[in-house]
Amino acid sequence: MQVGCGDFKVKNYKKFKNENLTKHTENLRLIERSEYEMIEFFDPGFDVLAYILSN
């Protein structure tokens, strides 16, 4: 369980995804939903998550 999480937007989601998702697989993962997707930031050593939303 996490004690907290944050949702963030970036100026250009597609560019952020293309530049970072495959480079940082140890701390980023793609979560796909029917209406949108998000990139989850995680670290096993911390109980906090952050998300970059696609829209």
PDB file of N, CA and C in Angstrom:
ATOM      1  N   MET A   1       0.840  -1.190   0.000  1.00  0.00           N
ATOM      2  CA  MET A   1       0.000   0.000   0.000  1.00  0.00           C
ATOM      3  C   MET A   1       0.880   1.247   0.000  1.00  0.00           C
ATOM      4  N   GLN A   2       0.400   2.247  -0.688  1.00  0.00           N
ATOM      5  CA  GLN A   2       1.120   3.508  -0.751  1.00  0.00           C
ATOM      6  C   GLN A   2       0.435   4.528   0.149  1.00  0.00           C
ATOM      7  N   VAL A   3       1.230   5.398   0.730  1.00  0.00           N
ATOM      8  CA  VAL A   3       0.668   6.444   1.577  1.00  0.00           C
ATOM      9  C   VAL A   3       0.253   7.653   0.764  1.00  0.00           C
ATOM     10  N   GLY A   4       0.646   7.709  -0.489  1.00  0.00           N
ATOM     11  CA  GLY A   4       0.252   8.853  -1.306  1.00  0.00           C
ATOM     12  C   GLY A   4       0.623   8.677  -2.751  1.00  0.00           C
ATOM     13  N   CYS A   5      -0.001   9.505  -3.573  1.00  0.00           N
ATOM     14  CA  CYS A   5       0.340   9.512  -4.995  1.00  0.00           C
ATOM     15  C   CYS A   5      -0.002  10.889  -5.548  1.00  0.00           C
ATOM     16  N   GLY A   6       0.620  11.217  -6.642  1.00  0.00           N
ATOM     17  CA  GLY A   6       0.366  12.498  -7.288  1.00  0.00           C
ATOM     18  C   GLY A   6       0.146  12.291  -8.775  1.00  0.00           C
ATOM     19  N   ASP A   7      -0.754  13.064  -9.348  1.00  0.00           N
ATOM     20  CA  ASP A   7      -1.008  13.038 -10.785  1.00  0.00           C
ATOM     21  C   ASP A   7      -0.472  14.327 -11.389  1.00  0.00           C
ATOM     22  N   PHE A   8       0.248  14.205 -12.490  1.00  0.00           N
ATOM     23  CA  PHE A   8       0.874  15.354 -13.121  1.00  0.00           C
ATOM     24  C   PHE A   8       0.610  15.353 -14.620  1.00  0.00           C
ATOM     25  N   LYS A   9       0.648  16.525 -15.194  1.00  0.00           N
ATOM     26  CA  LYS A   9       0.570  16.675 -16.644  1.00  0.00           C
ATOM     27  C   LYS A   9       1.902  17.225 -17.131  1.00  0.00           C
ATOM     28  N   VAL A  10       2.276  16.832 -18.338  1.00  0.00           N
ATOM     29  CA  VAL A  10       3.449  17.391 -18.986  1.00  0.00           C
ATOM     30  C   VAL A  10       2.979  18.090 -20.254  1.00  0.00           C
ATOM     31  N   LYS A  11       3.793  18.994 -20.744  1.00  0.00           N
ATOM     32  CA  LYS A  11       3.420  19.781 -21.919  1.00  0.00           C
ATOM     33  C   LYS A  11       3.147  18.897 -23.134  1.00  0.00           C
ATOM     34  N   ASN A  12       3.993  17.887 -23.342  1.00  0.00           N
ATOM     35  CA  ASN A  12       3.853  17.014 -24.502  1.00  0.00           C
ATOM     36  C   ASN A  12       3.981  15.563 -24.032  1.00  0.00           C
ATOM     37  N   TYR A  13       2.841  14.948 -23.727  1.00  0.00           N
ATOM     38  CA  TYR A  13       2.831  13.589 -23.182  1.00  0.00           C
ATOM     39  C   TYR A  13       3.497  12.593 -24.124  1.00  0.00           C
ATOM     40  N   LYS A  14       3.161  12.654 -25.404  1.00  0.00           N
ATOM     41  CA  LYS A  14       3.701  11.695 -26.376  1.00  0.00           C
ATOM     42  C   LYS A  14       5.233  11.774 -26.433  1.00  0.00           C
ATOM     43  N   LYS A  15       5.769  12.981 -26.441  1.00  0.00           N
ATOM     44  CA  LYS A  15       7.223  13.167 -26.461  1.00  0.00           C
ATOM     45  C   LYS A  15       7.845  12.622 -25.176  1.00  0.00           C
ATOM     46  N   PHE A  16       7.247  12.947 -24.030  1.00  0.00           N
ATOM     47  CA  PHE A  16       7.742  12.440 -22.745  1.00  0.00           C
ATOM     48  C   PHE A  16       7.762  10.920 -22.744  1.00  0.00           C
ATOM     49  N   LYS A  17       6.677  10.317 -23.196  1.00  0.00           N
ATOM     50  CA  LYS A  17       6.570   8.856 -23.239  1.00  0.00           C
ATOM     51  C   LYS A  17       7.655   8.262 -24.134  1.00  0.00           C
ATOM     52  N   ASN A  18       7.797   8.789 -25.331  1.00  0.00           N
ATOM     53  CA  ASN A  18       8.777   8.252 -26.282  1.00  0.00           C
ATOM     54  C   ASN A  18      10.211   8.400 -25.791  1.00  0.00           C
ATOM     55  N   GLU A  19      10.504   9.480 -25.098  1.00  0.00           N
ATOM     56  CA  GLU A  19      11.870   9.733 -24.639  1.00  0.00           C
ATOM     57  C   GLU A  19      12.235   9.023 -23.341  1.00  0.00           C
ATOM     58  N   ASN A  20      11.256   8.671 -22.531  1.00  0.00           N
ATOM     59  CA  ASN A  20      11.575   8.180 -21.191  1.00  0.00           C
ATOM     60  C   ASN A  20      11.132   6.763 -20.850  1.00  0.00           C
ATOM     61  N   LEU A  21      10.035   6.304 -21.394  1.00  0.00           N
ATOM     62  CA  LEU A  21       9.460   5.030 -20.952  1.00  0.00           C
ATOM     63  C   LEU A  21      10.415   3.853 -21.138  1.00  0.00           C
ATOM     64  N   THR A  22      11.040   3.724 -22.287  1.00  0.00           N
ATOM     65  CA  THR A  22      11.930   2.586 -22.521  1.00  0.00           C
ATOM     66  C   THR A  22      13.310   2.760 -21.887  1.00  0.00           C
ATOM     67  N   LYS A  23      13.674   3.990 -21.563  1.00  0.00           N
ATOM     68  CA  LYS A  23      14.979   4.248 -20.938  1.00  0.00           C
ATOM     69  C   LYS A  23      14.987   3.949 -19.442  1.00  0.00           C
ATOM     70  N   HIS A  24      13.832   4.028 -18.811  1.00  0.00           N
ATOM     71  CA  HIS A  24      13.758   3.947 -17.341  1.00  0.00           C
ATOM     72  C   HIS A  24      12.781   2.864 -16.884  1.00  0.00           C
ATOM     73  N   THR A  25      12.927   1.672 -17.436  1.00  0.00           N
ATOM     74  CA  THR A  25      11.993   0.587 -17.114  1.00  0.00           C
ATOM     75  C   THR A  25      12.051   0.155 -15.651  1.00  0.00           C
ATOM     76  N   GLU A  26      13.135   0.488 -14.962  1.00  0.00           N
ATOM     77  CA  GLU A  26      13.239   0.118 -13.548  1.00  0.00           C
ATOM     78  C   GLU A  26      12.366   1.000 -12.652  1.00  0.00           C
ATOM     79  N   ASN A  27      11.901   2.150 -13.178  1.00  0.00           N
ATOM     80  CA  ASN A  27      11.078   3.053 -12.364  1.00  0.00           C
ATOM     81  C   ASN A  27       9.853   3.617 -13.069  1.00  0.00           C
ATOM     82  N   LEU A  28       9.618   3.240 -14.330  1.00  0.00           N
ATOM     83  CA  LEU A  28       8.450   3.726 -15.058  1.00  0.00           C
ATOM     84  C   LEU A  28       7.710   2.556 -15.685  1.00  0.00           C
ATOM     85  N   ARG A  29       6.378   2.615 -15.651  1.00  0.00           N
ATOM     86  CA  ARG A  29       5.594   1.604 -16.356  1.00  0.00           C
ATOM     87  C   ARG A  29       4.340   2.250 -16.929  1.00  0.00           C
ATOM     88  N   LEU A  30       3.910   1.734 -18.061  1.00  0.00           N
ATOM     89  CA  LEU A  30       2.736   2.238 -18.751  1.00  0.00           C
ATOM     90  C   LEU A  30       1.497   1.520 -18.246  1.00  0.00           C
ATOM     91  N   ILE A  31       0.468   2.292 -17.930  1.00  0.00           N
ATOM     92  CA  ILE A  31      -0.821   1.745 -17.529  1.00  0.00           C
ATOM     93  C   ILE A  31      -1.839   2.233 -18.543  1.00  0.00           C
ATOM     94  N   GLU A  32      -2.493   1.302 -19.219  1.00  0.00           N
ATOM     95  CA  GLU A  32      -3.457   1.655 -20.258  1.00  0.00           C
ATOM     96  C   GLU A  32      -4.882   1.432 -19.760  1.00  0.00           C
ATOM     97  N   ARG A  33      -5.704   2.436 -19.974  1.00  0.00           N
ATOM     98  CA  ARG A  33      -7.135   2.379 -19.662  1.00  0.00           C
ATOM     99  C   ARG A  33      -7.906   2.572 -20.958  1.00  0.00           C
ATOM    100  N   SER A  34      -9.191   2.347 -20.952  1.00  0.00           N
ATOM    101  CA  SER A  34      -9.974   2.468 -22.190  1.00  0.00           C
ATOM    102  C   SER A  34     -10.023   3.903 -22.718  1.00  0.00           C
ATOM    103  N   GLU A  35     -10.065   4.902 -21.848  1.00  0.00           N
ATOM    104  CA  GLU A  35     -10.162   6.296 -22.287  1.00  0.00           C
ATOM    105  C   GLU A  35      -8.835   7.058 -22.280  1.00  0.00           C
ATOM    106  N   TYR A  36      -7.833   6.549 -21.597  1.00  0.00           N
ATOM    107  CA  TYR A  36      -6.559   7.263 -21.478  1.00  0.00           C
ATOM    108  C   TYR A  36      -5.472   6.283 -21.056  1.00  0.00           C
ATOM    109  N   GLU A  37      -4.257   6.763 -20.984  1.00  0.00           N
ATOM    110  CA  GLU A  37      -3.157   5.987 -20.425  1.00  0.00           C
ATOM    111  C   GLU A  37      -2.360   6.882 -19.498  1.00  0.00           C
ATOM    112  N   MET A  38      -1.520   6.259 -18.691  1.00  0.00           N
ATOM    113  CA  MET A  38      -0.688   7.022 -17.778  1.00  0.00           C
ATOM    114  C   MET A  38       0.619   6.289 -17.565  1.00  0.00           C
ATOM    115  N   ILE A  39       1.615   7.053 -17.187  1.00  0.00           N
ATOM    116  CA  ILE A  39       2.915   6.492 -16.868  1.00  0.00           C
ATOM    117  C   ILE A  39       3.086   6.585 -15.359  1.00  0.00           C
ATOM    118  N   GLU A  40       3.365   5.455 -14.766  1.00  0.00           N
ATOM    119  CA  GLU A  40       3.534   5.385 -13.314  1.00  0.00           C
ATOM    120  C   GLU A  40       5.012   5.459 -12.958  1.00  0.00           C
ATOM    121  N   PHE A  41       5.338   6.345 -12.036  1.00  0.00           N
ATOM    122  CA  PHE A  41       6.676   6.427 -11.449  1.00  0.00           C
ATOM    123  C   PHE A  41       6.639   5.630 -10.155  1.00  0.00           C
ATOM    124  N   PHE A  42       7.598   4.723  -9.973  1.00  0.00           N
ATOM    125  CA  PHE A  42       7.619   3.933  -8.745  1.00  0.00           C
ATOM    126  C   PHE A  42       9.057   3.618  -8.353  1.00  0.00           C
ATOM    127  N   ASP A  43       9.230   3.329  -7.094  1.00  0.00           N
ATOM    128  CA  ASP A  43      10.512   2.881  -6.568  1.00  0.00           C
ATOM    129  C   ASP A  43      10.194   1.950  -5.406  1.00  0.00           C
ATOM    130  N   PRO A  44      10.659   0.710  -5.452  1.00  0.00           N
ATOM    131  CA  PRO A  44      10.345  -0.238  -4.377  1.00  0.00           C
ATOM    132  C   PRO A  44      10.765   0.235  -2.987  1.00  0.00           C
ATOM    133  N   GLY A  45      11.699   1.167  -2.920  1.00  0.00           N
ATOM    134  CA  GLY A  45      12.165   1.655  -1.630  1.00  0.00           C
ATOM    135  C   GLY A  45      11.301   2.735  -1.007  1.00  0.00           C
ATOM    136  N   PHE A  46      10.277   3.196  -1.744  1.00  0.00           N
ATOM    137  CA  PHE A  46       9.410   4.272  -1.247  1.00  0.00           C
ATOM    138  C   PHE A  46       7.949   3.865  -1.390  1.00  0.00           C
ATOM    139  N   ASP A  47       7.108   4.330  -0.486  1.00  0.00           N
ATOM    140  CA  ASP A  47       5.689   3.976  -0.546  1.00  0.00           C
ATOM    141  C   ASP A  47       4.833   5.110  -1.122  1.00  0.00           C
ATOM    142  N   VAL A  48       5.366   5.754  -2.138  1.00  0.00           N
ATOM    143  CA  VAL A  48       4.672   6.843  -2.827  1.00  0.00           C
ATOM    144  C   VAL A  48       4.748   6.580  -4.331  1.00  0.00           C
ATOM    145  N   LEU A  49       3.676   6.884  -5.046  1.00  0.00           N
ATOM    146  CA  LEU A  49       3.642   6.745  -6.502  1.00  0.00           C
ATOM    147  C   LEU A  49       3.320   8.092  -7.126  1.00  0.00           C
ATOM    148  N   ALA A  50       3.714   8.272  -8.380  1.00  0.00           N
ATOM    149  CA  ALA A  50       3.356   9.474  -9.136  1.00  0.00           C
ATOM    150  C   ALA A  50       2.955   9.025 -10.531  1.00  0.00           C
ATOM    151  N   TYR A  51       2.066   9.804 -11.153  1.00  0.00           N
ATOM    152  CA  TYR A  51       1.559   9.449 -12.471  1.00  0.00           C
ATOM    153  C   TYR A  51       1.602  10.653 -13.405  1.00  0.00           C
ATOM    154  N   ILE A  52       1.985  10.391 -14.658  1.00  0.00           N
ATOM    155  CA  ILE A  52       1.875  11.380 -15.732  1.00  0.00           C
ATOM    156  C   ILE A  52       0.680  10.929 -16.564  1.00  0.00           C
ATOM    157  N   LEU A  53      -0.311  11.789 -16.714  1.00  0.00           N
ATOM    158  CA  LEU A  53      -1.533  11.440 -17.424  1.00  0.00           C
ATOM    159  C   LEU A  53      -1.485  11.867 -18.881  1.00  0.00           C
ATOM    160  N   SER A  54      -2.086  11.072 -19.744  1.00  0.00           N
ATOM    161  CA  SER A  54      -2.060  11.355 -21.174  1.00  0.00           C
ATOM    162  C   SER A  54      -3.024  12.465 -21.585  1.00  0.00           C
ATOM    163  N   ASN A  55      -4.081  12.686 -20.852  1.00  0.00           N
ATOM    164  CA  ASN A  55      -5.018  13.767 -21.185  1.00  0.00           C
ATOM    165  C   ASN A  55      -5.611  14.395 -19.951  1.00  0.00           C
TER     166      ASN A  55
END
